[in-house]
Protein backbone atom coordinates (compact mmCIF):
# COMPACT_ATOMS: atom_id res chain seq x y z
CA MET A 1 14.82 -1.35 0.34
CA ASN A 2 11.10 -2.10 -0.04
CA ILE A 3 10.39 -5.68 -1.12
CA LEU A 4 6.61 -5.45 -0.91
CA GLU A 5 4.26 -2.47 -1.03
CA ALA A 6 0.47 -2.49 -0.98
CA LYS A 7 -1.60 0.65 -1.55
CA ASN A 8 -5.34 1.29 -1.24
CA LEU A 9 -5.97 -2.43 -0.99
CA ASN A 10 -9.65 -3.44 -0.95
CA LYS A 11 -11.14 -6.92 -1.01
CA TYR A 12 -14.83 -7.86 -1.30
CA PHE A 13 -16.64 -11.16 -0.87
CA TYR A 14 -20.06 -11.61 -2.44
CA ASP A 15 -21.51 -14.75 -0.89
CA PRO A 16 -24.14 -14.64 0.53
CA LYS A 17 -24.07 -10.82 0.20
CA LYS A 18 -21.44 -8.15 -0.58
CA PHE A 19 -18.99 -7.83 2.28
CA LYS A 20 -15.84 -5.71 2.47
CA ALA A 21 -13.13 -7.94 3.94
CA LEU A 22 -10.20 -5.49 3.56
CA ASP A 23 -10.68 -1.76 3.68
CA ASN A 24 -8.17 0.58 2.00
CA LEU A 25 -5.04 -1.03 3.43
CA ASP A 26 -1.53 0.39 2.94
CA LEU A 27 1.60 -1.45 4.05
CA THR A 28 5.29 -1.65 3.29
CA ILE A 29 7.73 -4.48 4.00
CA GLU A 30 11.47 -4.03 3.68
CA LYS A 31 14.11 -6.62 2.77
CA GLY A 32 15.02 -8.73 5.79
CA ASP A 33 11.93 -7.79 7.82
CA PHE A 34 10.43 -10.52 10.01
CA VAL A 35 6.80 -9.44 10.14
CA SER A 36 3.79 -11.02 11.82
CA ILE A 37 0.14 -10.38 10.90
CA THR A 38 -2.23 -10.71 13.84
CA GLY A 39 -5.95 -10.24 14.46
CA LYS A 40 -9.04 -12.07 15.65
CA SER A 41 -10.59 -14.82 13.59
CA GLY A 42 -12.39 -13.22 10.66
CA SER A 43 -10.45 -9.97 10.92
CA GLY A 44 -8.99 -10.37 7.40
CA LYS A 45 -5.41 -11.42 8.21
CA SER A 46 -5.39 -14.60 6.11
CA THR A 47 -7.31 -12.79 3.33
CA LEU A 48 -4.55 -10.21 3.25
CA LEU A 49 -1.84 -12.86 3.12
CA TYR A 50 -3.48 -14.66 0.19
CA LEU A 51 -3.63 -11.39 -1.75
CA LEU A 52 -0.02 -10.54 -1.02
CA SER A 53 1.07 -14.06 -2.00
CA THR A 54 -0.73 -13.61 -5.41
CA MET A 55 -2.88 -16.71 -4.79
CA ASP A 56 -5.99 -14.53 -4.73
CA THR A 57 -6.11 -12.06 -7.61
CA ASP A 58 -9.55 -10.50 -7.05
CA PHE A 59 -8.79 -7.17 -5.37
CA GLU A 60 -8.79 -3.41 -5.86
CA GLY A 61 -5.64 -1.38 -5.39
CA SER A 62 -1.97 -2.06 -5.94
CA ILE A 63 0.39 -4.84 -4.82
CA ASN A 64 4.01 -4.30 -5.86
CA ILE A 65 6.60 -6.99 -5.15
CA ASN A 66 10.27 -6.25 -5.90
CA GLY A 67 9.26 -3.59 -8.44
CA SER A 68 6.64 -5.68 -10.27
CA GLU A 69 2.95 -4.83 -10.11
CA MET A 70 0.66 -7.79 -9.41
CA GLN A 71 -2.63 -6.16 -10.39
CA GLY A 72 -3.88 -7.23 -13.83
CA ARG A 73 -1.44 -10.11 -14.35
CA ASN A 74 -2.69 -13.37 -15.79
CA ASN A 75 -2.62 -16.64 -13.80
CA SER A 76 0.27 -18.13 -15.77
CA TRP A 77 2.50 -15.12 -15.11
CA LEU A 78 1.55 -15.08 -11.44
CA ALA A 79 2.20 -18.83 -11.02
CA ASP A 80 5.69 -18.39 -12.51
CA PHE A 81 6.34 -15.32 -10.34
CA ARG A 82 5.20 -17.22 -7.20
CA ASN A 83 7.42 -20.22 -7.91
CA LYS A 84 10.46 -17.96 -8.38
CA HIS A 85 9.93 -15.38 -5.64
CA ILE A 86 7.53 -16.53 -2.91
CA GLY A 87 7.92 -19.46 -0.52
CA PHE A 88 4.79 -20.54 1.36
CA VAL A 89 4.36 -22.48 4.59
CA PHE A 90 0.83 -23.50 5.63
CA GLN A 91 -0.62 -24.68 8.94
CA PHE A 92 -0.57 -28.19 7.47
CA HIS A 93 2.68 -29.23 5.85
CA PHE A 94 1.20 -30.66 2.61
CA LEU A 95 4.19 -32.94 2.03
CA LEU A 96 3.73 -35.79 -0.44
CA PRO A 97 3.73 -38.84 1.88
CA GLU A 98 4.98 -41.38 -0.70
CA PHE A 99 8.07 -39.29 -1.56
CA SER A 100 11.26 -38.99 0.43
CA VAL A 101 11.92 -35.91 2.50
CA LEU A 102 14.70 -34.93 0.07
CA LYS A 103 12.46 -35.25 -2.98
CA ASN A 104 9.71 -33.19 -1.28
CA VAL A 105 12.16 -30.35 -0.71
CA MET A 106 13.51 -30.58 -4.28
CA LEU A 107 10.11 -30.55 -6.06
CA PRO A 108 9.57 -26.74 -6.41
CA GLY A 109 13.19 -26.43 -7.61
CA LEU A 110 12.73 -29.22 -10.17
CA LYS A 111 9.63 -27.40 -11.42
CA ARG A 112 11.53 -24.12 -11.76
CA ALA A 113 14.53 -25.91 -13.39
CA ALA A 114 16.99 -23.11 -12.55
CA PHE A 115 19.62 -25.56 -11.29
CA PRO A 116 20.79 -28.98 -12.53
CA PRO A 117 19.30 -31.83 -10.41
CA GLN A 118 22.61 -32.69 -8.72
CA GLU A 119 23.17 -29.09 -7.60
CA LEU A 120 19.53 -28.87 -6.48
CA GLU A 121 19.93 -32.04 -4.41
CA GLN A 122 22.94 -30.52 -2.62
CA LYS A 123 20.97 -27.32 -2.03
CA ALA A 124 18.10 -29.33 -0.53
CA MET A 125 20.49 -31.23 1.75
CA ASP A 126 22.05 -27.95 2.91
CA LEU A 127 18.58 -26.66 3.83
CA LEU A 128 17.70 -29.87 5.68
CA LYS A 129 20.96 -29.49 7.60
CA LEU A 130 20.11 -25.85 8.41
CA LEU A 131 16.76 -27.00 9.77
CA ASP A 132 18.33 -29.99 11.63
CA VAL A 133 16.44 -32.74 9.78
CA GLN A 134 19.22 -33.89 7.45
CA ASP A 135 19.23 -37.32 9.07
CA GLN A 136 15.66 -37.82 7.82
CA ALA A 137 16.44 -37.02 4.16
CA LEU A 138 15.88 -40.49 2.70
CA LYS A 139 12.83 -41.38 4.82
CA ARG A 140 9.32 -41.16 3.42
CA ALA A 141 7.78 -37.92 4.60
CA SER A 142 4.87 -39.76 6.25
CA LEU A 143 7.25 -41.33 8.79
CA LEU A 144 8.35 -38.05 10.35
CA SER A 145 6.89 -36.36 13.44
CA GLY A 146 4.67 -33.28 13.02
CA GLY A 147 7.45 -30.89 14.02
CA GLN A 148 9.91 -32.54 11.63
CA GLN A 149 7.37 -32.42 8.77
CA GLN A 150 6.86 -28.68 9.30
CA ARG A 151 10.62 -28.07 9.22
CA VAL A 152 10.78 -30.02 5.94
CA ALA A 153 7.94 -27.85 4.63
CA ILE A 154 10.01 -24.76 5.54
CA ALA A 155 13.00 -26.20 3.67
CA ARG A 156 10.80 -26.79 0.64
CA ALA A 157 9.55 -23.18 0.82
CA LEU A 158 13.17 -21.95 0.77
CA ILE A 159 14.53 -24.12 -2.07
CA ASN A 160 14.05 -21.43 -4.75
CA ASP A 161 15.66 -18.69 -2.68
CA PRO A 162 12.40 -16.74 -2.36
CA LEU A 163 12.31 -12.95 -1.95
CA ILE A 164 9.64 -13.50 0.72
CA LEU A 165 8.75 -16.47 2.89
CA MET A 166 5.04 -16.31 3.74
CA GLY A 167 3.31 -18.43 6.36
CA ASP A 168 -0.32 -18.96 7.27
CA GLU A 169 -0.35 -20.11 10.91
CA PRO A 170 2.78 -22.26 10.35
CA THR A 171 2.93 -23.19 14.05
CA GLY A 172 -0.85 -23.65 14.43
CA ASN A 173 -0.62 -27.47 14.59
CA LEU A 174 2.53 -27.63 16.71
CA ASP A 175 3.07 -27.99 20.45
CA SER A 176 4.88 -25.29 22.39
CA LYS A 177 8.30 -26.97 22.03
CA ASN A 178 8.09 -27.25 18.25
CA THR A 179 6.55 -23.78 17.96
CA GLY A 180 9.63 -22.48 19.73
CA LEU A 181 11.93 -24.40 17.40
CA VAL A 182 10.19 -23.05 14.29
CA PHE A 183 10.26 -19.49 15.64
CA ASP A 184 13.98 -19.81 16.37
CA LEU A 185 14.56 -21.04 12.82
CA PHE A 186 12.66 -18.08 11.38
CA LYS A 187 14.64 -15.67 13.62
CA LYS A 188 17.89 -17.29 12.46
CA LEU A 189 16.91 -17.02 8.77
CA SER A 190 16.03 -13.35 9.27
CA ALA A 191 19.17 -12.45 11.23
CA GLU A 192 21.77 -14.49 9.34
CA GLN A 193 20.41 -14.64 5.80
CA HIS A 194 18.25 -11.48 5.74
CA GLN A 195 15.30 -13.59 4.65
CA THR A 196 12.15 -11.47 4.44
CA MET A 197 9.23 -13.17 6.22
CA LEU A 198 5.53 -12.40 6.54
CA ILE A 199 3.74 -14.70 8.95
CA VAL A 200 0.04 -14.81 9.91
CA THR A 201 -0.26 -16.02 13.50
CA HIS A 202 -2.72 -16.06 16.41
CA ASP A 203 0.15 -16.79 18.80
CA GLU A 204 0.74 -13.55 20.76
CA GLU A 205 4.11 -14.70 22.07
CA PHE A 206 5.31 -15.51 18.52
CA ALA A 207 4.10 -12.11 17.21
CA LYS A 208 5.61 -10.16 20.13
CA ASN A 209 9.11 -11.41 19.23
CA THR A 210 9.00 -10.57 15.49
CA ASP A 211 10.57 -7.35 14.18
CA LYS A 212 7.22 -5.80 13.26
CA THR A 213 3.55 -6.64 13.81
CA ILE A 214 0.69 -5.69 11.55
CA HIS A 215 -2.58 -5.98 13.48
CA ILE A 216 -5.77 -6.34 11.46
CA SER A 217 -9.14 -5.44 12.89
CA ASP A 218 -12.35 -5.41 10.78
CA GLY A 219 -10.32 -5.34 7.56
CA ARG A 220 -8.11 -2.41 8.58
CA ILE A 221 -4.64 -2.07 10.07
CA SER A 222 -5.15 -0.90 13.66
């Protein structure tokens, strides 16, 4: 079953002059796929991810996620769709330092309001347990190590049961040990929970061990 399909995808930048960043891309991602996007700096891999995540809406072509077309949607509709269906993990964790780990994980769920707070809290604790940071739940996020903070960020990205978990260099700030831990967590989520994942990475070892690799060169899949 196709979760995400992009057809004839083109992206232009206009500053300082017109530049074609993505050139007529087609791609398909199926449910449960663990996919990496690779390419040199400036190749267009992060540009592609931001289009597929609906955070950048200025493109030509079609992006269809779970049967819904993204082209032409207004920002309010896209924000609601993102919160319900897409989890995002960045290179930096972007946790709110003054809040507890548990509250950080719960925030997107509280915004969506699909579950009562008590049920959401249990859901957040279950995710923290899955990611082996449940013992940090009541600490302020700023007190955790970098590797722990990134695992909390992954838990936060999963709280709304996203169709797709997307990551932009999620291991880019981690040492090799924590990179391995995060990769193993992703592999576990893919294998045991059929979580679809689309991860931009420059780490060749990481990419080599995903189910599928999309390599971008000069705005095209090569």
